[in-house]
Amino acid sequence: MDDSQSASVGVVIVNWNGWPYTVAACRSLGQSLHRNFKIVIVDNASVDDSLLQLRAAVPNADIISNQRNEGFSGGCNIGIRHALGLGCDYIFLLNNDAMVDDLTIEQLVSVSRDLHDRVLLGSVIHDAASGDHVFFGNRAGSVLGSQINFTISDDVQKLDQKLIETDFIVGAALFLPAKLLSRIGLFDERFFLNFEETDLCYRARKLDIPSFVVSSSRIRHHGGASVGPYHAPMQAYFLTRNRLLFADKHGSFARRFQLYILNLKWIYWSLRKSWAAARTVDLPTRAMARACWDYMLRRFGDCPAVIRQYDARYREQSHAPSSTGGAAVP
């Protein structure tokens, strides 16, 4: 067995009312050519029978049962600490609605070893249903905290590279050498959901630790099964508030002020559009406004209960996509 094959990998999966997806993710891991891995499942206080089902279906996994929903960031941190306690050389954060190919982990370990474990790595992400490319890297946009994903139409040549330099790596598949975490730190749990991986990659970059996507490492991802599309109230809330928090941490005063004004403009035009259409304020716009208010009051972590109520009402509307699955997000 060569050195890379002997490396131990802690695969951390956060589950929230989504055990069928989590079981599928674990079964895909069973096909991995790299065999030295330990699955750590962190259940975020699921209210279905996730714990019973997971213990029966994945008996060899370490399953941690949280008493409350700690969010994606908090759940991952709990799993990371557990994997580090087991002495794992690497941490692989995998969304519970994602499935790996047989080469995925092997390629990540091999490339990290070749680069002396001084980088953060991600995988090429395909949509599980269509097979389309969802993510293979990105570059920073003009607005602080925004990114422009590479696309097949404009950037397909990048897939011929072994390593694709990227602004940040999405948390659906994030590979971290354990020794770097003592320098970078874990996720900032104030984000709860969204922007935590972007923040971690930016903190790493300030320490001269770059981020790359490994083109030969691939996952299939269902995506958005739990929190819905980006315009749903819960997503709108976390993206709005956390983008501002991210700007606090990584932007100048001028760029933070620019972003806040942009958010106010987005809310204003959303208000006008929804009022003109139905003489009411739609639920995503209400969520965005509440996000700005909570940001000003420095209320971070989980969203207020009213946002979850908005989200439940939004899902009941005929035009809103339903979601009965469980991505690794609260």
C-alpha atoms as a PDB file:
ATOM      1  CA  MET A   1       0.000   0.000   0.000  1.00  0.00           C
ATOM      2  CA  ASP A   2       1.442   3.364  -1.020  1.00  0.00           C
ATOM      3  CA  ASP A   3       1.511   6.401   1.234  1.00  0.00           C
ATOM      4  CA  SER A   4      -1.617   8.011  -0.194  1.00  0.00           C
ATOM      5  CA  GLN A   5      -3.631   4.805   0.233  1.00  0.00           C
ATOM      6  CA  SER A   6      -2.692   4.656   3.902  1.00  0.00           C
ATOM      7  CA  ALA A   7      -3.977   8.196   4.557  1.00  0.00           C
ATOM      8  CA  SER A   8      -7.080   8.249   6.736  1.00  0.00           C
ATOM      9  CA  VAL A   9     -10.035  10.383   5.646  1.00  0.00           C
ATOM     10  CA  GLY A  10     -12.877  11.474   7.890  1.00  0.00           C
ATOM     11  CA  VAL A  11     -15.990  11.919   5.714  1.00  0.00           C
ATOM     12  CA  VAL A  12     -18.334  14.313   7.523  1.00  0.00           C
ATOM     13  CA  ILE A  13     -22.001  14.338   6.489  1.00  0.00           C
ATOM     14  CA  VAL A  14     -24.647  16.546   8.100  1.00  0.00           C
ATOM     15  CA  ASN A  15     -28.186  15.149   8.074  1.00  0.00           C
ATOM     16  CA  TRP A  16     -31.443  16.981   8.716  1.00  0.00           C
ATOM     17  CA  ASN A  17     -34.633  15.016   8.060  1.00  0.00           C
ATOM     18  CA  GLY A  18     -33.003  13.492   4.997  1.00  0.00           C
ATOM     19  CA  TRP A  19     -31.947   9.957   5.776  1.00  0.00           C
ATOM     20  CA  PRO A  20     -32.727   8.486   2.282  1.00  0.00           C
ATOM     21  CA  TYR A  21     -30.226  10.889   0.724  1.00  0.00           C
ATOM     22  CA  THR A  22     -27.689  10.246   3.480  1.00  0.00           C
ATOM     23  CA  VAL A  23     -27.940   6.474   3.031  1.00  0.00           C
ATOM     24  CA  ALA A  24     -27.390   6.884  -0.726  1.00  0.00           C
ATOM     25  CA  ALA A  25     -24.331   9.062  -0.065  1.00  0.00           C
ATOM     26  CA  CYS A  26     -22.873   6.445   2.276  1.00  0.00           C
ATOM     27  CA  ARG A  27     -23.525   3.650  -0.203  1.00  0.00           C
ATOM     28  CA  SER A  28     -21.658   5.567  -2.886  1.00  0.00           C
ATOM     29  CA  LEU A  29     -18.722   5.905  -0.493  1.00  0.00           C
ATOM     30  CA  GLY A  30     -18.702   2.117  -0.218  1.00  0.00           C
ATOM     31  CA  GLN A  31     -17.582   1.956  -3.874  1.00  0.00           C
ATOM     32  CA  SER A  32     -14.535   4.172  -3.264  1.00  0.00           C
ATOM     33  CA  LEU A  33     -11.169   2.827  -4.362  1.00  0.00           C
ATOM     34  CA  HIS A  34      -9.634   4.617  -1.392  1.00  0.00           C
ATOM     35  CA  ARG A  35     -10.635   2.369   1.494  1.00  0.00           C
ATOM     36  CA  ASN A  36      -9.168   4.075   4.555  1.00  0.00           C
ATOM     37  CA  PHE A  37     -12.029   6.365   5.491  1.00  0.00           C
ATOM     38  CA  LYS A  38     -14.417   6.809   8.393  1.00  0.00           C
ATOM     39  CA  ILE A  39     -17.953   8.139   7.949  1.00  0.00           C
ATOM     40  CA  VAL A  40     -19.101  10.630  10.578  1.00  0.00           C
ATOM     41  CA  ILE A  41     -22.791  11.517  10.348  1.00  0.00           C
ATOM     42  CA  VAL A  42     -24.001  14.510  12.360  1.00  0.00           C
ATOM     43  CA  ASP A  43     -27.775  14.547  12.747  1.00  0.00           C
ATOM     44  CA  ASN A  44     -29.079  18.079  13.300  1.00  0.00           C
ATOM     45  CA  ALA A  45     -32.020  17.238  15.608  1.00  0.00           C
ATOM     46  CA  SER A  46     -34.097  15.628  12.860  1.00  0.00           C
ATOM     47  CA  VAL A  47     -37.797  15.248  13.639  1.00  0.00           C
ATOM     48  CA  ASP A  48     -38.313  12.258  11.343  1.00  0.00           C
ATOM     49  CA  ASP A  49     -36.927   8.773  11.990  1.00  0.00           C
ATOM     50  CA  SER A  50     -33.486   9.621  10.606  1.00  0.00           C
ATOM     51  CA  LEU A  51     -31.529   8.282  13.564  1.00  0.00           C
ATOM     52  CA  LEU A  52     -33.306   4.921  13.531  1.00  0.00           C
ATOM     53  CA  GLN A  53     -32.916   4.533   9.785  1.00  0.00           C
ATOM     54  CA  LEU A  54     -29.273   5.632   9.697  1.00  0.00           C
ATOM     55  CA  ARG A  55     -28.221   3.347  12.532  1.00  0.00           C
ATOM     56  CA  ALA A  56     -29.789   0.414  10.717  1.00  0.00           C
ATOM     57  CA  ALA A  57     -28.490   1.273   7.236  1.00  0.00           C
ATOM     58  CA  VAL A  58     -24.991   2.543   8.108  1.00  0.00           C
ATOM     59  CA  PRO A  59     -23.956   0.563  11.203  1.00  0.00           C
ATOM     60  CA  ASN A  60     -20.235   1.244  10.759  1.00  0.00           C
ATOM     61  CA  ALA A  61     -20.616   5.022  10.735  1.00  0.00           C
ATOM     62  CA  ASP A  62     -20.088   7.196  13.783  1.00  0.00           C
ATOM     63  CA  ILE A  63     -23.467   8.897  14.245  1.00  0.00           C
ATOM     64  CA  ILE A  64     -23.670  12.014  16.406  1.00  0.00           C
ATOM     65  CA  SER A  65     -27.125  13.139  17.521  1.00  0.00           C
ATOM     66  CA  ASN A  66     -27.433  16.879  18.160  1.00  0.00           C
ATOM     67  CA  GLN A  67     -30.079  18.030  20.610  1.00  0.00           C
ATOM     68  CA  ARG A  68     -30.784  21.088  18.473  1.00  0.00           C
ATOM     69  CA  ASN A  69     -30.263  22.175  14.891  1.00  0.00           C
ATOM     70  CA  GLU A  70     -26.731  23.586  14.800  1.00  0.00           C
ATOM     71  CA  GLY A  71     -26.923  24.580  11.138  1.00  0.00           C
ATOM     72  CA  PHE A  72     -24.576  23.443   8.404  1.00  0.00           C
ATOM     73  CA  SER A  73     -21.619  25.308   9.889  1.00  0.00           C
ATOM     74  CA  GLY A  74     -22.151  24.079  13.443  1.00  0.00           C
ATOM     75  CA  GLY A  75     -22.964  20.532  12.361  1.00  0.00           C
ATOM     76  CA  CYS A  76     -19.837  20.352  10.221  1.00  0.00           C
ATOM     77  CA  ASN A  77     -17.691  21.695  13.062  1.00  0.00           C
ATOM     78  CA  ILE A  78     -18.978  18.991  15.399  1.00  0.00           C
ATOM     79  CA  GLY A  79     -18.193  16.329  12.796  1.00  0.00           C
ATOM     80  CA  ILE A  80     -14.770  17.785  12.031  1.00  0.00           C
ATOM     81  CA  ARG A  81     -13.776  17.789  15.693  1.00  0.00           C
ATOM     82  CA  HIS A  82     -14.881  14.174  16.008  1.00  0.00           C
ATOM     83  CA  ALA A  83     -12.892  13.129  12.922  1.00  0.00           C
ATOM     84  CA  LEU A  84      -9.814  14.975  14.174  1.00  0.00           C
ATOM     85  CA  GLY A  85     -10.190  13.144  17.477  1.00  0.00           C
ATOM     86  CA  LEU A  86     -10.018   9.887  15.541  1.00  0.00           C
ATOM     87  CA  GLY A  87      -6.666  10.980  14.109  1.00  0.00           C
ATOM     88  CA  CYS A  88      -7.831  11.447  10.515  1.00  0.00           C
ATOM     89  CA  ASP A  89      -5.272  12.939   8.135  1.00  0.00           C
ATOM     90  CA  TYR A  90      -7.951  14.610   6.018  1.00  0.00           C
ATOM     91  CA  ILE A  91     -11.494  15.881   6.404  1.00  0.00           C
ATOM     92  CA  PHE A  92     -13.906  15.490   3.478  1.00  0.00           C
ATOM     93  CA  LEU A  93     -17.113  17.477   3.912  1.00  0.00           C
ATOM     94  CA  LEU A  94     -19.804  15.879   1.774  1.00  0.00           C
ATOM     95  CA  ASN A  95     -23.395  17.048   1.437  1.00  0.00           C
ATOM     96  CA  ASN A  96     -25.841  14.326   2.318  1.00  0.00           C
ATOM     97  CA  ASP A  97     -27.565  14.717  -1.061  1.00  0.00           C
ATOM     98  CA  ALA A  98     -24.305  14.090  -2.932  1.00  0.00           C
ATOM     99  CA  MET A  99     -22.763  10.864  -4.193  1.00  0.00           C
ATOM    100  CA  VAL A 100     -19.113  10.203  -4.956  1.00  0.00           C
ATOM    101  CA  ASP A 101     -17.554   8.296  -7.839  1.00  0.00           C
ATOM    102  CA  ASP A 102     -15.115   5.489  -7.116  1.00  0.00           C
ATOM    103  CA  LEU A 103     -12.098   7.738  -7.843  1.00  0.00           C
ATOM    104  CA  THR A 104     -13.303  10.843  -5.985  1.00  0.00           C
ATOM    105  CA  ILE A 105     -11.516  10.437  -2.667  1.00  0.00           C
ATOM    106  CA  GLU A 106      -8.470   8.700  -4.124  1.00  0.00           C
ATOM    107  CA  GLN A 107      -7.826  11.623  -6.456  1.00  0.00           C
ATOM    108  CA  LEU A 108      -8.281  14.213  -3.703  1.00  0.00           C
ATOM    109  CA  VAL A 109      -5.819  12.436  -1.416  1.00  0.00           C
ATOM    110  CA  SER A 110      -3.282  11.927  -4.179  1.00  0.00           C
ATOM    111  CA  VAL A 111      -3.348  15.552  -5.348  1.00  0.00           C
ATOM    112  CA  SER A 112      -3.171  16.892  -1.805  1.00  0.00           C
ATOM    113  CA  ARG A 113      -0.136  14.715  -1.088  1.00  0.00           C
ATOM    114  CA  ASP A 114       1.526  15.887  -4.308  1.00  0.00           C
ATOM    115  CA  LEU A 115       1.017  19.489  -3.140  1.00  0.00           C
ATOM    116  CA  HIS A 116       2.372  18.739   0.343  1.00  0.00           C
ATOM    117  CA  ASP A 117      -1.069  19.181   1.949  1.00  0.00           C
ATOM    118  CA  ARG A 118      -0.881  22.971   1.604  1.00  0.00           C
ATOM    119  CA  VAL A 119      -4.098  23.517  -0.385  1.00  0.00           C
ATOM    120  CA  LEU A 120      -7.872  23.256  -0.071  1.00  0.00           C
ATOM    121  CA  LEU A 121      -9.479  21.030  -2.683  1.00  0.00           C
ATOM    122  CA  GLY A 122     -12.901  20.507  -4.196  1.00  0.00           C
ATOM    123  CA  SER A 123     -14.536  18.231  -6.739  1.00  0.00           C
ATOM    124  CA  VAL A 124     -16.291  18.801 -10.039  1.00  0.00           C
ATOM    125  CA  ILE A 125     -20.010  18.730  -9.264  1.00  0.00           C
ATOM    126  CA  HIS A 126     -22.608  17.304 -11.638  1.00  0.00           C
ATOM    127  CA  ASP A 127     -26.374  17.532 -11.276  1.00  0.00           C
ATOM    128  CA  ALA A 128     -27.527  14.103 -10.151  1.00  0.00           C
ATOM    129  CA  ALA A 129     -30.562  14.100 -12.448  1.00  0.00           C
ATOM    130  CA  SER A 130     -29.287  15.667 -15.670  1.00  0.00           C
ATOM    131  CA  GLY A 131     -25.553  15.059 -15.400  1.00  0.00           C
ATOM    132  CA  ASP A 132     -24.900  18.711 -16.275  1.00  0.00           C
ATOM    133  CA  HIS A 133     -21.905  20.483 -14.795  1.00  0.00           C
ATOM    134  CA  VAL A 134     -23.001  22.505 -11.759  1.00  0.00           C
ATOM    135  CA  PHE A 135     -19.621  23.596 -10.424  1.00  0.00           C
ATOM    136  CA  PHE A 136     -15.979  23.310 -11.450  1.00  0.00           C
ATOM    137  CA  GLY A 137     -14.692  26.555  -9.995  1.00  0.00           C
ATOM    138  CA  ASN A 138     -15.445  30.264 -10.045  1.00  0.00           C
ATOM    139  CA  ARG A 139     -13.996  33.742  -9.946  1.00  0.00           C
ATOM    140  CA  ALA A 140     -14.904  36.702  -7.760  1.00  0.00           C
ATOM    141  CA  GLY A 141     -17.618  39.041  -9.014  1.00  0.00           C
ATOM    142  CA  SER A 142     -17.565  42.826  -8.874  1.00  0.00           C
ATOM    143  CA  VAL A 143     -19.723  42.892  -5.726  1.00  0.00           C
ATOM    144  CA  LEU A 144     -17.947  41.696  -2.587  1.00  0.00           C
ATOM    145  CA  GLY A 145     -19.003  38.150  -1.752  1.00  0.00           C
ATOM    146  CA  SER A 146     -20.369  37.405  -5.224  1.00  0.00           C
ATOM    147  CA  GLN A 147     -18.877  34.767  -7.481  1.00  0.00           C
ATOM    148  CA  ILE A 148     -19.217  33.938 -11.159  1.00  0.00           C
ATOM    149  CA  ASN A 149     -19.210  30.189 -11.691  1.00  0.00           C
ATOM    150  CA  PHE A 150     -17.250  28.771 -14.593  1.00  0.00           C
ATOM    151  CA  THR A 151     -19.529  27.445 -17.335  1.00  0.00           C
ATOM    152  CA  ILE A 152     -19.210  24.842 -20.058  1.00  0.00           C
ATOM    153  CA  SER A 153     -19.976  27.455 -22.712  1.00  0.00           C
ATOM    154  CA  ASP A 154     -17.208  29.827 -21.636  1.00  0.00           C
ATOM    155  CA  ASP A 155     -14.705  27.805 -19.608  1.00  0.00           C
ATOM    156  CA  VAL A 156     -14.844  24.192 -20.800  1.00  0.00           C
ATOM    157  CA  GLN A 157     -11.095  24.225 -21.513  1.00  0.00           C
ATOM    158  CA  LYS A 158     -10.455  24.447 -17.772  1.00  0.00           C
ATOM    159  CA  LEU A 159     -11.698  20.873 -17.386  1.00  0.00           C
ATOM    160  CA  ASP A 160      -8.599  19.749 -19.324  1.00  0.00           C
ATOM    161  CA  GLN A 161      -6.446  21.030 -16.459  1.00  0.00           C
ATOM    162  CA  LYS A 162      -5.564  18.759 -13.571  1.00  0.00           C
ATOM    163  CA  LEU A 163      -6.128  21.617 -11.131  1.00  0.00           C
ATOM    164  CA  ILE A 164      -8.575  24.480 -11.612  1.00  0.00           C
ATOM    165  CA  GLU A 165      -7.827  27.497  -9.434  1.00  0.00           C
ATOM    166  CA  THR A 166     -11.025  28.796  -7.863  1.00  0.00           C
ATOM    167  CA  ASP A 167     -12.153  31.741  -5.776  1.00  0.00           C
ATOM    168  CA  PHE A 168     -13.764  29.365  -3.298  1.00  0.00           C
ATOM    169  CA  ILE A 169     -14.975  25.749  -3.006  1.00  0.00           C
ATOM    170  CA  VAL A 170     -18.600  24.896  -2.356  1.00  0.00           C
ATOM    171  CA  GLY A 171     -19.334  22.989   0.830  1.00  0.00           C
ATOM    172  CA  ALA A 172     -21.010  20.118  -1.020  1.00  0.00           C
ATOM    173  CA  ALA A 173     -17.532  18.591  -1.430  1.00  0.00           C
ATOM    174  CA  LEU A 174     -14.703  20.287   0.437  1.00  0.00           C
ATOM    175  CA  PHE A 175     -11.454  18.435   1.165  1.00  0.00           C
ATOM    176  CA  LEU A 176      -9.245  19.741   3.981  1.00  0.00           C
ATOM    177  CA  PRO A 177      -5.849  18.514   5.214  1.00  0.00           C
ATOM    178  CA  ALA A 178      -6.226  18.170   8.966  1.00  0.00           C
ATOM    179  CA  LYS A 179      -2.965  19.949   9.701  1.00  0.00           C
ATOM    180  CA  LEU A 180      -4.212  23.124   8.001  1.00  0.00           C
ATOM    181  CA  LEU A 181      -7.270  23.456  10.227  1.00  0.00           C
ATOM    182  CA  SER A 182      -5.144  24.487  13.208  1.00  0.00           C
ATOM    183  CA  ARG A 183      -4.071  27.493  11.119  1.00  0.00           C
ATOM    184  CA  ILE A 184      -7.301  28.321   9.316  1.00  0.00           C
ATOM    185  CA  GLY A 185      -9.794  27.433  12.036  1.00  0.00           C
ATOM    186  CA  LEU A 186     -13.211  25.836  11.583  1.00  0.00           C
ATOM    187  CA  PHE A 187     -16.394  27.338  10.149  1.00  0.00           C
ATOM    188  CA  ASP A 188     -17.677  30.591  11.638  1.00  0.00           C
ATOM    189  CA  GLU A 189     -20.946  29.392  13.169  1.00  0.00           C
ATOM    190  CA  ARG A 190     -22.538  32.828  12.960  1.00  0.00           C
ATOM    191  CA  PHE A 191     -23.252  32.047   9.294  1.00  0.00           C
ATOM    192  CA  PHE A 192     -25.313  28.950  10.230  1.00  0.00           C
ATOM    193  CA  LEU A 193     -26.091  28.315   6.540  1.00  0.00           C
ATOM    194  CA  ASN A 194     -24.501  29.791   3.387  1.00  0.00           C
ATOM    195  CA  PHE A 195     -21.170  31.632   3.035  1.00  0.00           C
ATOM    196  CA  GLU A 196     -19.378  29.586   5.719  1.00  0.00           C
ATOM    197  CA  GLU A 197     -17.253  27.769   3.130  1.00  0.00           C
ATOM    198  CA  THR A 198     -16.584  31.001   1.230  1.00  0.00           C
ATOM    199  CA  ASP A 199     -15.396  32.622   4.451  1.00  0.00           C
ATOM    200  CA  LEU A 200     -13.140  29.658   5.247  1.00  0.00           C
ATOM    201  CA  CYS A 201     -11.546  29.741   1.777  1.00  0.00           C
ATOM    202  CA  TYR A 202     -10.943  33.494   2.048  1.00  0.00           C
ATOM    203  CA  ARG A 203      -9.350  33.079   5.481  1.00  0.00           C
ATOM    204  CA  ALA A 204      -7.132  30.374   4.013  1.00  0.00           C
ATOM    205  CA  ARG A 205      -6.098  32.627   1.142  1.00  0.00           C
ATOM    206  CA  LYS A 206      -4.970  35.302   3.599  1.00  0.00           C
ATOM    207  CA  LEU A 207      -2.585  32.636   4.910  1.00  0.00           C
ATOM    208  CA  ASP A 208      -1.348  31.906   1.356  1.00  0.00           C
ATOM    209  CA  ILE A 209      -3.347  28.677   1.177  1.00  0.00           C
ATOM    210  CA  PRO A 210      -4.976  28.468  -2.283  1.00  0.00           C
ATOM    211  CA  SER A 211      -8.130  26.632  -3.368  1.00  0.00           C
ATOM    212  CA  PHE A 212      -8.365  24.294  -6.367  1.00  0.00           C
ATOM    213  CA  VAL A 213     -10.908  22.001  -7.968  1.00  0.00           C
ATOM    214  CA  VAL A 214      -9.494  18.601  -8.958  1.00  0.00           C
ATOM    215  CA  SER A 215     -10.908  17.836 -12.399  1.00  0.00           C
ATOM    216  CA  SER A 216     -10.605  14.049 -11.982  1.00  0.00           C
ATOM    217  CA  SER A 217     -12.572  14.087  -8.712  1.00  0.00           C
ATOM    218  CA  ARG A 218     -16.331  14.148  -9.277  1.00  0.00           C
ATOM    219  CA  ILE A 219     -19.573  14.048  -7.332  1.00  0.00           C
ATOM    220  CA  ARG A 220     -23.249  13.935  -8.287  1.00  0.00           C
ATOM    221  CA  HIS A 221     -25.409  16.355  -6.350  1.00  0.00           C
ATOM    222  CA  HIS A 222     -29.173  16.678  -5.977  1.00  0.00           C
ATOM    223  CA  GLY A 223     -28.880  20.126  -4.416  1.00  0.00           C
ATOM    224  CA  GLY A 224     -31.402  22.419  -2.698  1.00  0.00           C
ATOM    225  CA  ALA A 225     -33.601  19.569  -1.544  1.00  0.00           C
ATOM    226  CA  SER A 226     -34.137  21.005   1.922  1.00  0.00           C
ATOM    227  CA  VAL A 227     -34.058  24.790   1.726  1.00  0.00           C
ATOM    228  CA  GLY A 228     -35.420  25.127  -1.788  1.00  0.00           C
ATOM    229  CA  PRO A 229     -34.254  27.464  -4.557  1.00  0.00           C
ATOM    230  CA  TYR A 230     -32.287  30.647  -3.964  1.00  0.00           C
ATOM    231  CA  HIS A 231     -35.389  32.836  -4.163  1.00  0.00           C
ATOM    232  CA  ALA A 232     -37.243  30.895  -1.418  1.00  0.00           C
ATOM    233  CA  PRO A 233     -37.599  32.850   1.868  1.00  0.00           C
ATOM    234  CA  MET A 234     -35.096  30.846   3.924  1.00  0.00           C
ATOM    235  CA  GLN A 235     -32.423  31.000   1.256  1.00  0.00           C
ATOM    236  CA  ALA A 236     -33.161  34.687   0.641  1.00  0.00           C
ATOM    237  CA  TYR A 237     -32.750  35.406   4.341  1.00  0.00           C
ATOM    238  CA  PHE A 238     -29.450  33.597   4.857  1.00  0.00           C
ATOM    239  CA  LEU A 239     -27.904  34.766   1.585  1.00  0.00           C
ATOM    240  CA  THR A 240     -28.791  38.401   2.304  1.00  0.00           C
ATOM    241  CA  ARG A 241     -27.707  38.502   5.938  1.00  0.00           C
ATOM    242  CA  ASN A 242     -24.617  36.369   5.515  1.00  0.00           C
ATOM    243  CA  ARG A 243     -23.371  38.257   2.484  1.00  0.00           C
ATOM    244  CA  LEU A 244     -23.304  41.343   4.720  1.00  0.00           C
ATOM    245  CA  LEU A 245     -21.528  39.429   7.503  1.00  0.00           C
ATOM    246  CA  PHE A 246     -18.998  38.148   4.977  1.00  0.00           C
ATOM    247  CA  ALA A 247     -18.387  41.737   3.857  1.00  0.00           C
ATOM    248  CA  ASP A 248     -17.794  42.752   7.477  1.00  0.00           C
ATOM    249  CA  LYS A 249     -15.019  40.191   7.709  1.00  0.00           C
ATOM    250  CA  HIS A 250     -13.342  40.652   4.350  1.00  0.00           C
ATOM    251  CA  GLY A 251     -14.215  44.059   2.899  1.00  0.00           C
ATOM    252  CA  SER A 252     -13.254  47.676   3.329  1.00  0.00           C
ATOM    253  CA  PHE A 253     -15.754  50.164   4.722  1.00  0.00           C
ATOM    254  CA  ALA A 254     -16.449  51.440   1.211  1.00  0.00           C
ATOM    255  CA  ARG A 255     -17.218  47.962  -0.151  1.00  0.00           C
ATOM    256  CA  ARG A 256     -19.364  47.096   2.877  1.00  0.00           C
ATOM    257  CA  PHE A 257     -21.347  50.306   2.403  1.00  0.00           C
ATOM    258  CA  GLN A 258     -21.735  49.581  -1.321  1.00  0.00           C
ATOM    259  CA  LEU A 259     -23.107  46.120  -0.576  1.00  0.00           C
ATOM    260  CA  TYR A 260     -25.574  47.389   2.016  1.00  0.00           C
ATOM    261  CA  ILE A 261     -26.914  50.004  -0.405  1.00  0.00           C
ATOM    262  CA  LEU A 262     -27.252  47.334  -3.099  1.00  0.00           C
ATOM    263  CA  ASN A 263     -29.258  45.158  -0.719  1.00  0.00           C
ATOM    264  CA  LEU A 264     -31.588  48.051   0.031  1.00  0.00           C
ATOM    265  CA  LYS A 265     -32.037  48.655  -3.705  1.00  0.00           C
ATOM    266  CA  TRP A 266     -32.809  44.957  -4.297  1.00  0.00           C
ATOM    267  CA  ILE A 267     -35.425  45.064  -1.545  1.00  0.00           C
ATOM    268  CA  TYR A 268     -36.925  48.293  -2.889  1.00  0.00           C
ATOM    269  CA  TRP A 269     -37.364  46.932  -6.402  1.00  0.00           C
ATOM    270  CA  SER A 270     -38.686  43.623  -5.053  1.00  0.00           C
ATOM    271  CA  LEU A 271     -41.217  45.585  -3.000  1.00  0.00           C
ATOM    272  CA  ARG A 272     -42.342  47.551  -6.042  1.00  0.00           C
ATOM    273  CA  LYS A 273     -42.617  44.455  -8.206  1.00  0.00           C
ATOM    274  CA  SER A 274     -44.567  42.369  -5.689  1.00  0.00           C
ATOM    275  CA  TRP A 275     -46.879  45.256  -4.749  1.00  0.00           C
ATOM    276  CA  ALA A 276     -47.647  46.012  -8.386  1.00  0.00           C
ATOM    277  CA  ALA A 277     -48.420  42.354  -9.049  1.00  0.00           C
ATOM    278  CA  ALA A 278     -50.612  41.540  -6.058  1.00  0.00           C
ATOM    279  CA  ARG A 279     -50.908  44.594  -3.763  1.00  0.00           C
ATOM    280  CA  THR A 280     -48.890  42.739  -1.161  1.00  0.00           C
ATOM    281  CA  VAL A 281     -45.268  42.106  -0.246  1.00  0.00           C
ATOM    282  CA  ASP A 282     -44.127  38.656  -1.272  1.00  0.00           C
ATOM    283  CA  LEU A 283     -42.514  36.313   1.239  1.00  0.00           C
ATOM    284  CA  PRO A 284     -38.951  36.304  -0.163  1.00  0.00           C
ATOM    285  CA  THR A 285     -38.889  40.116  -0.043  1.00  0.00           C
ATOM    286  CA  ARG A 286     -40.073  40.073   3.569  1.00  0.00           C
ATOM    287  CA  ALA A 287     -37.267  37.606   4.341  1.00  0.00           C
ATOM    288  CA  MET A 288     -34.664  39.871   2.707  1.00  0.00           C
ATOM    289  CA  ALA A 289     -35.870  42.873   4.687  1.00  0.00           C
ATOM    290  CA  ARG A 290     -35.743  40.904   7.939  1.00  0.00           C
ATOM    291  CA  ALA A 291     -32.221  39.758   7.056  1.00  0.00           C
ATOM    292  CA  CYS A 292     -31.005  43.362   6.756  1.00  0.00           C
ATOM    293  CA  TRP A 293     -32.691  44.239  10.049  1.00  0.00           C
ATOM    294  CA  ASP A 294     -31.117  41.286  11.867  1.00  0.00           C
ATOM    295  CA  TYR A 295     -27.733  42.138  10.404  1.00  0.00           C
ATOM    296  CA  MET A 296     -27.968  45.680  11.765  1.00  0.00           C
ATOM    297  CA  LEU A 297     -28.916  44.296  15.189  1.00  0.00           C
ATOM    298  CA  ARG A 298     -26.032  41.766  14.938  1.00  0.00           C
ATOM    299  CA  ARG A 299     -28.383  38.789  15.148  1.00  0.00           C
ATOM    300  CA  PHE A 300     -26.579  35.849  13.598  1.00  0.00           C
ATOM    301  CA  GLY A 301     -26.840  32.071  13.809  1.00  0.00           C
ATOM    302  CA  ASP A 302     -30.217  30.479  13.053  1.00  0.00           C
ATOM    303  CA  CYS A 303     -32.975  32.471  11.382  1.00  0.00           C
ATOM    304  CA  PRO A 304     -35.987  33.685  13.411  1.00  0.00           C
ATOM    305  CA  ALA A 305     -39.032  31.410  13.500  1.00  0.00           C
ATOM    306  CA  VAL A 306     -41.007  33.725  11.232  1.00  0.00           C
ATOM    307  CA  ILE A 307     -38.607  32.991   8.348  1.00  0.00           C
ATOM    308  CA  ARG A 308     -39.344  29.273   8.612  1.00  0.00           C
ATOM    309  CA  GLN A 309     -43.054  30.134   8.643  1.00  0.00           C
ATOM    310  CA  TYR A 310     -42.598  32.192   5.472  1.00  0.00           C
ATOM    311  CA  ASP A 311     -40.736  29.285   3.907  1.00  0.00           C
ATOM    312  CA  ALA A 312     -43.456  26.784   4.785  1.00  0.00           C
ATOM    313  CA  ARG A 313     -46.132  29.079   3.311  1.00  0.00           C
ATOM    314  CA  TYR A 314     -44.044  29.650   0.199  1.00  0.00           C
ATOM    315  CA  ARG A 315     -43.716  25.915  -0.422  1.00  0.00           C
ATOM    316  CA  GLU A 316     -47.481  25.528  -0.237  1.00  0.00           C
ATOM    317  CA  GLN A 317     -47.985  27.984  -3.081  1.00  0.00           C
ATOM    318  CA  SER A 318     -48.653  26.343  -6.422  1.00  0.00           C
ATOM    319  CA  HIS A 319     -45.782  28.126  -8.195  1.00  0.00           C
ATOM    320  CA  ALA A 320     -43.197  27.165  -5.565  1.00  0.00           C
ATOM    321  CA  PRO A 321     -41.257  23.911  -6.030  1.00  0.00           C
ATOM    322  CA  SER A 322     -41.958  21.405  -3.282  1.00  0.00           C
ATOM    323  CA  SER A 323     -39.138  19.846  -1.313  1.00  0.00           C
ATOM    324  CA  THR A 324     -39.421  16.605   0.572  1.00  0.00           C
ATOM    325  CA  GLY A 325     -35.798  15.584   0.479  1.00  0.00           C
ATOM    326  CA  GLY A 326     -33.024  16.451   2.851  1.00  0.00           C
ATOM    327  CA  ALA A 327     -29.878  18.193   1.791  1.00  0.00           C
ATOM    328  CA  ALA A 328     -27.145  18.629   4.344  1.00  0.00           C
ATOM    329  CA  VAL A 329     -28.453  22.001   5.342  1.00  0.00           C
ATOM    330  CA  PRO A 330     -31.022  23.019   7.951  1.00  0.00           C
END
